[in-house]
Amino acid sequence: MIIRTPLFTAMLTLLGLCLAGCARPIVVVQTSTADLELDIDAYVHTHPDMEIAYDFWSPDGVPFISFLNTTDSTILLDLNRSNVEFRENRQSVSLERALEQQNDFDSYNDLYADVEFKRLDRSLHLVLEPQKWASIYGPTCHSKRGLNRGDQVTFTYVYSTQNVLKEIPHRFELTALTRISREEISDYERNEAGPDQYFIDQQPNVNADTTSIFFEVLISVLLAF
């Protein structure tokens, strides 16, 4: 029989707190930006060569990005040079890398049956036909280091049209709205969430290394009784 000493009780309490930290809520985040307007329930940016629309609502903030070629010539969007950059950790992820993470290498048509890709100079390009939409999923905006108010995410698109190389930058700021449980996701998405929102996991209260150390100490204490 284990004797419940004050030390043992304290250890059990600490264990309970660790387990409670693992069952953390989900943080719902809203994007805001100065250079884009919310139009037809989605962020739409009108550029001389194309329109770009964003839908951010998804698990872990994976944006759905749509491109409309408004010109009379084919546009090639360089997915290797186009990227999403996170100011919080100064890291960037290319759109090509995002596609590789979503599906097997060189099998993008399995996920995008209606979209044409072309590889030029070892870079994957999204082919934008005149007056047509094409949509892909971008890199996740999930923040592994936790979300701070005003954190910025910048989308940069590099493309060529009529042998002219051009670039479009879009910068978004992130603001936490509310916290919900995983059981409430479906209802929130159906009744309250807009396309300019997405959710990410809140940082755990105890990281994996701390949890491992705690259990080693706990086992040592139990064996001492």
Foldseek 3Di string as FASTA:
>chain_A
DDDCDVVLVVLVVVVVLQVVLVQAWWWKKFKDFDQWDCDPLWTWHDDPFWIKTWQQADELRWIKIKIFGADQFKKWWFQQPWWKAWPVVRDIDGQQNQLCVVDPPPPSCVVFVPWDWDADPNTIITIHHHGDMGIDIGHGPADQVFDDFFTKMKTKIWMDTPNDIDMDIGMITMDTDDTDGPVCVVVCVVPPDTSRMYIYHGHGPADPVRVVVSVVVSVVVVVVD
